[in-house]
Amino acid sequence: MKKVVLAGGTGFVGTYFQQKFQELGYEVIIIARTAPAIAWNNEKEIISALEGAEMLINLAGKSVNCRYNEKNKKEILTSRTETTNILGKALQACENPPELWINSSTATIYRHAEDRPMTEAEGEIGSGFSVNVATSWEDAFFSFQLPKTRQAALRIAIVLGPDGGVMTPYVNLVKFGLGGKQGSGSQMFSWIHIEDLFQITLFLRDNKHLEGVFNCSAPHPVKNIEQMRLIRAHMKKSFGLPAFKWMLELGAVFIGTETELVLKSRWVVPERLVQSGFDFQYKTLDEALYAIIVN
């Protein structure tokens, strides 16, 4: 039986991936902090899981949906870099390592951009805490020289899908009449449907010449004001109160998150995937929201 190892495979994306790989006939082995998964400190079992696996997909990392105090900032960073280092060392110890190691990264690595889209070749790396986490994460990943294993870092945009994830708070905002623009509304919203993200892993598996960094974002990002209009339209809500920056900053304190998650303009396009022939099932936000909300 084919085998895939999902590290950090218990969250929104990992749960979806596990089900999809099992449907394709894979044995799926999970590495995570909670039993019955293999524990992160169990080096022997991690190496054993990786031996003969077709793919390793690392999704591990503390959620960034929290206040950026010093404790959380440290956990956000170490939960990404340390798990990546554990996996890299385990792969080096394997006799038959996976042919492909896919590691999560984030589209937040690019600067706030309202002027032009960011591609892998022409994108400008930003500054600040979230960007430092992203660059440290990728540095840890690419620090390993693995002659038998291709490496691909996925700069993932906001992942949309049924059953949780970021759609839940957006839907709740609209439900309670607060589904207007956030801040100026001119910030770009880059997103990807979870099914396309899964299909990208299969595309990279099958196209053995592909490695390096890939933007995982649908080809048609939209402004925040359009994003919220589309969510309202699919939920049959004609009106939504806007949330001004000061309101968001106040509310973020109460619900324990950061305004960067909605106010940063992420204008990210998947140039390498498109040029390599990947065909997105959900190219527009309208299509994705219809599948998630209406279906």
Protein backbone atom coordinates (compact mmCIF):
# COMPACT_ATOMS: atom_id res chain seq x y z
CA MET A 1 0.00 0.00 0.00
CA LYS A 2 1.21 3.51 -0.82
CA LYS A 3 2.07 5.56 2.25
CA VAL A 4 1.94 9.30 2.97
CA VAL A 5 3.06 10.98 6.17
CA LEU A 6 1.13 14.06 7.33
CA ALA A 7 2.96 16.06 9.97
CA GLY A 8 0.71 18.39 11.93
CA GLY A 9 -2.15 16.56 10.26
CA THR A 10 -4.89 17.16 12.83
CA GLY A 11 -6.05 20.68 11.86
CA PHE A 12 -8.49 21.98 9.25
CA VAL A 13 -6.24 21.23 6.25
CA GLY A 14 -4.70 18.06 7.69
CA THR A 15 -8.07 16.44 8.43
CA TYR A 16 -9.23 17.13 4.86
CA PHE A 17 -5.97 15.78 3.40
CA GLN A 18 -6.14 12.63 5.50
CA GLN A 19 -9.62 11.80 4.22
CA LYS A 20 -8.67 12.54 0.60
CA PHE A 21 -5.51 10.42 0.68
CA GLN A 22 -7.37 7.54 2.31
CA GLU A 23 -9.98 7.73 -0.46
CA LEU A 24 -7.11 7.33 -2.95
CA GLY A 25 -5.99 4.16 -1.18
CA TYR A 26 -3.06 5.56 0.80
CA GLU A 27 -2.02 4.52 4.27
CA VAL A 28 -1.88 7.86 6.11
CA ILE A 29 0.43 8.24 9.11
CA ILE A 30 0.01 11.32 11.30
CA ILE A 31 2.72 13.07 13.34
CA ALA A 32 1.20 15.47 15.87
CA ARG A 33 1.19 16.58 19.50
CA THR A 34 -1.79 14.45 20.51
CA ALA A 35 -2.26 10.67 20.61
CA PRO A 36 -2.83 8.40 18.75
CA ALA A 37 -0.52 10.24 16.33
CA ILE A 38 3.24 9.72 16.46
CA ALA A 39 4.68 12.22 18.96
CA TRP A 40 7.18 14.83 17.81
CA ASN A 41 9.79 13.60 20.29
CA ASN A 42 9.61 10.00 19.07
CA GLU A 43 12.51 10.10 16.64
CA LYS A 44 12.59 6.35 16.05
CA GLU A 45 8.90 6.12 15.07
CA ILE A 46 9.13 9.20 12.84
CA ILE A 47 12.03 7.65 10.91
CA SER A 48 10.13 4.35 10.66
CA ALA A 49 7.03 6.17 9.34
CA LEU A 50 9.07 7.99 6.70
CA GLU A 51 10.86 4.86 5.45
CA GLY A 52 9.33 3.90 2.12
CA ALA A 53 6.70 6.64 2.18
CA GLU A 54 5.80 8.26 -1.12
CA MET A 55 5.38 11.74 0.32
CA LEU A 56 5.91 13.76 3.47
CA ILE A 57 3.60 16.76 3.88
CA ASN A 58 4.34 19.05 6.81
CA LEU A 59 1.43 21.25 7.93
CA ALA A 60 2.61 21.78 11.51
CA GLY A 61 2.44 25.19 13.20
CA LYS A 62 0.56 26.97 15.96
CA SER A 63 -2.41 28.97 14.64
CA VAL A 64 -1.65 32.64 13.99
CA ASN A 65 -5.22 33.46 15.04
CA CYS A 66 -4.09 34.76 18.45
CA ARG A 67 -2.63 37.87 20.11
CA TYR A 68 1.01 38.41 19.23
CA ASN A 69 2.36 38.55 22.77
CA GLU A 70 5.87 37.25 23.46
CA LYS A 71 4.73 33.77 24.52
CA ASN A 72 2.54 33.27 21.46
CA LYS A 73 5.14 34.74 19.11
CA LYS A 74 7.73 32.29 20.37
CA GLU A 75 5.33 29.36 19.96
CA ILE A 76 4.29 30.46 16.45
CA LEU A 77 7.95 30.50 15.38
CA THR A 78 9.24 27.37 17.13
CA SER A 79 6.21 25.25 16.22
CA ARG A 80 7.23 25.78 12.58
CA THR A 81 11.02 25.79 12.61
CA GLU A 82 11.56 23.03 15.19
CA THR A 83 9.13 20.60 13.57
CA THR A 84 10.73 21.26 10.19
CA ASN A 85 14.18 20.56 11.67
CA ILE A 86 12.95 17.32 13.29
CA LEU A 87 11.60 16.11 9.95
CA GLY A 88 14.71 17.12 8.01
CA LYS A 89 16.98 15.19 10.39
CA ALA A 90 14.66 12.17 10.26
CA LEU A 91 14.79 12.18 6.45
CA GLN A 92 18.59 12.26 6.57
CA ALA A 93 18.47 9.12 8.72
CA CYS A 94 16.23 7.22 6.28
CA GLU A 95 17.55 4.58 3.89
CA ASN A 96 14.50 4.94 1.62
CA PRO A 97 13.18 8.45 2.25
CA PRO A 98 10.08 9.85 0.52
CA GLU A 99 10.71 11.13 -2.98
CA LEU A 100 8.88 14.38 -2.16
CA TRP A 101 8.82 16.59 0.95
CA ILE A 102 6.17 19.32 0.85
CA ASN A 103 6.44 21.92 3.60
CA SER A 104 3.90 24.60 4.40
CA SER A 105 4.89 28.23 4.16
CA THR A 106 2.68 31.29 3.91
CA ALA A 107 1.68 33.91 1.37
CA THR A 108 2.13 36.43 4.19
CA ILE A 109 5.86 36.31 3.39
CA TYR A 110 5.27 39.09 0.81
CA ARG A 111 4.86 42.76 1.64
CA HIS A 112 1.52 44.55 1.98
CA ALA A 113 0.68 45.05 -1.71
CA GLU A 114 -2.10 47.15 -3.20
CA ASP A 115 -0.06 48.22 -6.24
CA ARG A 116 0.79 44.94 -8.00
CA PRO A 117 0.61 41.16 -7.60
CA MET A 118 3.42 39.17 -6.00
CA THR A 119 4.84 36.23 -7.98
CA GLU A 120 7.55 33.80 -6.90
CA ALA A 121 10.05 35.51 -9.22
CA GLU A 122 9.05 39.16 -8.77
CA GLY A 123 7.43 39.22 -5.33
CA GLU A 124 8.97 41.42 -2.63
CA ILE A 125 9.50 39.91 0.81
CA GLY A 126 7.93 42.08 3.49
CA SER A 127 9.03 42.95 7.03
CA GLY A 128 7.74 42.46 10.56
CA PHE A 129 6.98 39.50 12.81
CA SER A 130 4.85 37.38 10.44
CA VAL A 131 7.35 37.77 7.60
CA ASN A 132 10.26 36.88 9.90
CA VAL A 133 8.42 33.69 10.87
CA ALA A 134 7.85 32.81 7.20
CA THR A 135 11.47 33.42 6.16
CA SER A 136 12.82 31.49 9.18
CA TRP A 137 10.48 28.62 8.32
CA GLU A 138 11.65 28.45 4.70
CA ASP A 139 15.31 28.85 5.75
CA ALA A 140 14.94 25.84 8.08
CA PHE A 141 13.32 23.83 5.29
CA PHE A 142 15.84 24.61 2.57
CA SER A 143 18.82 24.21 4.91
CA PHE A 144 18.58 20.44 4.36
CA GLN A 145 20.43 18.92 1.42
CA LEU A 146 18.50 15.75 0.56
CA PRO A 147 19.78 14.05 -2.61
CA LYS A 148 16.93 11.49 -2.71
CA THR A 149 14.09 13.91 -1.86
CA ARG A 150 12.61 16.80 -3.83
CA GLN A 151 11.56 19.77 -1.69
CA ALA A 152 8.63 22.12 -2.31
CA ALA A 153 7.61 24.99 -0.03
CA LEU A 154 3.97 26.06 -0.45
CA ARG A 155 3.31 29.75 0.18
CA ILE A 156 -0.31 29.17 1.06
CA ALA A 157 -2.94 31.93 0.92
CA ILE A 158 -6.11 31.93 3.08
CA VAL A 159 -7.58 28.42 2.76
CA LEU A 160 -11.33 28.26 2.17
CA GLY A 161 -13.43 25.15 2.54
CA PRO A 162 -16.46 23.60 4.20
CA ASP A 163 -16.48 22.50 7.83
CA GLY A 164 -14.53 25.21 9.55
CA GLY A 165 -11.40 27.19 8.84
CA VAL A 166 -11.56 30.91 8.12
CA MET A 167 -15.05 30.75 6.60
CA THR A 168 -16.68 30.34 10.03
CA PRO A 169 -15.90 33.85 11.34
CA TYR A 170 -16.72 35.46 7.97
CA VAL A 171 -20.08 33.69 7.82
CA ASN A 172 -20.84 34.74 11.41
CA LEU A 173 -20.02 38.38 10.64
CA VAL A 174 -22.44 38.39 7.71
CA LYS A 175 -25.09 36.51 9.71
CA PHE A 176 -25.11 39.24 12.36
CA GLY A 177 -25.20 42.12 9.89
CA LEU A 178 -21.49 42.98 10.15
CA GLY A 179 -20.50 41.78 6.70
CA GLY A 180 -19.37 45.07 5.22
CA LYS A 181 -15.85 46.03 4.18
CA GLN A 182 -13.06 45.77 6.75
CA GLY A 183 -10.82 48.80 7.10
CA SER A 184 -10.53 50.64 3.79
CA GLY A 185 -11.79 47.57 1.90
CA SER A 186 -9.06 48.10 -0.70
CA GLN A 187 -6.71 45.43 0.69
CA MET A 188 -6.40 42.39 -1.55
CA PHE A 189 -7.72 39.03 -0.40
CA SER A 190 -5.72 36.09 -1.75
CA TRP A 191 -7.33 32.73 -1.12
CA ILE A 192 -7.38 29.10 -2.25
CA HIS A 193 -10.07 26.42 -2.04
CA ILE A 194 -8.91 23.47 0.07
CA GLU A 195 -9.58 21.01 -2.77
CA ASP A 196 -7.22 22.92 -5.08
CA LEU A 197 -4.58 22.88 -2.34
CA PHE A 198 -4.93 19.10 -2.11
CA GLN A 199 -4.74 18.73 -5.90
CA ILE A 200 -1.51 20.79 -5.89
CA THR A 201 0.13 18.13 -3.69
CA LEU A 202 -0.81 15.46 -6.27
CA PHE A 203 0.38 17.71 -9.12
CA LEU A 204 3.77 18.12 -7.45
CA ARG A 205 3.92 14.36 -6.81
CA ASP A 206 3.34 13.63 -10.51
CA ASN A 207 5.56 16.36 -12.00
CA LYS A 208 8.93 15.19 -10.80
CA HIS A 209 10.89 18.13 -12.20
CA LEU A 210 9.12 20.63 -9.94
CA GLU A 211 10.74 21.84 -6.72
CA GLY A 212 11.37 25.04 -4.80
CA VAL A 213 8.82 27.69 -3.84
CA PHE A 214 5.20 27.78 -5.08
CA ASN A 215 2.49 30.36 -4.45
CA CYS A 216 -0.65 28.43 -3.53
CA SER A 217 -3.33 30.98 -4.24
CA ALA A 218 -6.22 31.04 -6.69
CA PRO A 219 -5.46 33.02 -9.87
CA HIS A 220 -8.07 35.73 -9.18
CA PRO A 221 -7.66 37.47 -5.81
CA VAL A 222 -10.18 40.23 -5.02
CA LYS A 223 -10.37 43.36 -2.89
CA ASN A 224 -11.83 42.95 0.60
CA ILE A 225 -14.90 44.99 -0.32
CA GLU A 226 -15.67 42.56 -3.18
CA GLN A 227 -14.89 39.54 -1.00
CA MET A 228 -17.47 40.62 1.58
CA ARG A 229 -20.02 41.51 -1.13
CA LEU A 230 -19.74 38.00 -2.56
CA ILE A 231 -20.12 36.33 0.85
CA ARG A 232 -23.22 38.47 1.52
CA ALA A 233 -24.64 37.62 -1.90
CA HIS A 234 -24.26 33.86 -1.38
CA MET A 235 -25.81 34.17 2.08
CA LYS A 236 -28.70 36.26 0.69
CA LYS A 237 -27.81 39.28 2.88
CA SER A 238 -28.20 42.57 1.08
CA PHE A 239 -26.51 44.72 3.71
CA GLY A 240 -23.50 44.55 6.02
CA LEU A 241 -22.13 47.20 8.35
CA PRO A 242 -18.49 48.10 7.63
CA ALA A 243 -15.83 47.54 10.28
CA PHE A 244 -13.45 50.49 10.52
CA LYS A 245 -9.83 50.00 11.53
CA TRP A 246 -10.35 51.28 15.11
CA MET A 247 -13.31 48.91 15.52
CA LEU A 248 -11.24 45.98 14.31
CA GLU A 249 -8.39 46.85 16.66
CA LEU A 250 -10.77 47.02 19.60
CA GLY A 251 -12.55 43.83 18.61
CA ALA A 252 -9.28 41.96 18.02
CA VAL A 253 -8.32 42.49 21.66
CA PHE A 254 -11.63 41.05 22.84
CA ILE A 255 -11.56 37.95 20.64
CA GLY A 256 -7.83 37.38 21.02
CA THR A 257 -6.54 37.88 17.51
CA GLU A 258 -4.66 40.45 15.37
CA THR A 259 -6.00 42.89 12.79
CA GLU A 260 -3.18 41.94 10.39
CA LEU A 261 -5.17 38.84 9.48
CA VAL A 262 -7.83 40.98 7.75
CA LEU A 263 -6.07 44.28 7.06
CA LYS A 264 -2.85 43.12 5.37
CA SER A 265 -3.15 43.28 1.59
CA ARG A 266 -2.05 39.90 0.24
CA TRP A 267 -1.93 40.15 -3.53
CA VAL A 268 -0.44 36.80 -4.46
CA VAL A 269 -0.72 34.96 -7.77
CA PRO A 270 0.30 31.35 -8.60
CA GLU A 271 2.62 32.08 -11.52
CA ARG A 272 4.75 28.91 -11.28
CA LEU A 273 1.81 26.54 -10.93
CA VAL A 274 -0.05 28.11 -13.85
CA GLN A 275 3.07 28.09 -16.05
CA SER A 276 3.63 24.43 -15.12
CA GLY A 277 0.12 23.51 -16.31
CA PHE A 278 -1.83 23.24 -13.05
CA ASP A 279 -5.55 23.84 -13.65
CA PHE A 280 -7.43 25.32 -10.69
CA GLN A 281 -10.91 23.89 -10.15
CA TYR A 282 -11.95 27.04 -8.26
CA LYS A 283 -10.51 29.98 -10.19
CA THR A 284 -12.84 32.69 -8.86
CA LEU A 285 -14.04 33.48 -5.36
CA ASP A 286 -17.62 33.37 -6.65
CA GLU A 287 -17.17 29.69 -7.66
CA ALA A 288 -15.48 28.78 -4.39
CA LEU A 289 -18.10 30.46 -2.20
CA TYR A 290 -20.93 28.86 -4.16
CA ALA A 291 -19.39 25.43 -3.50
CA ILE A 292 -18.82 26.17 0.20
CA ILE A 293 -21.93 28.14 1.19
CA VAL A 294 -24.69 27.18 -1.24
CA ASN A 295 -23.81 23.51 -1.65
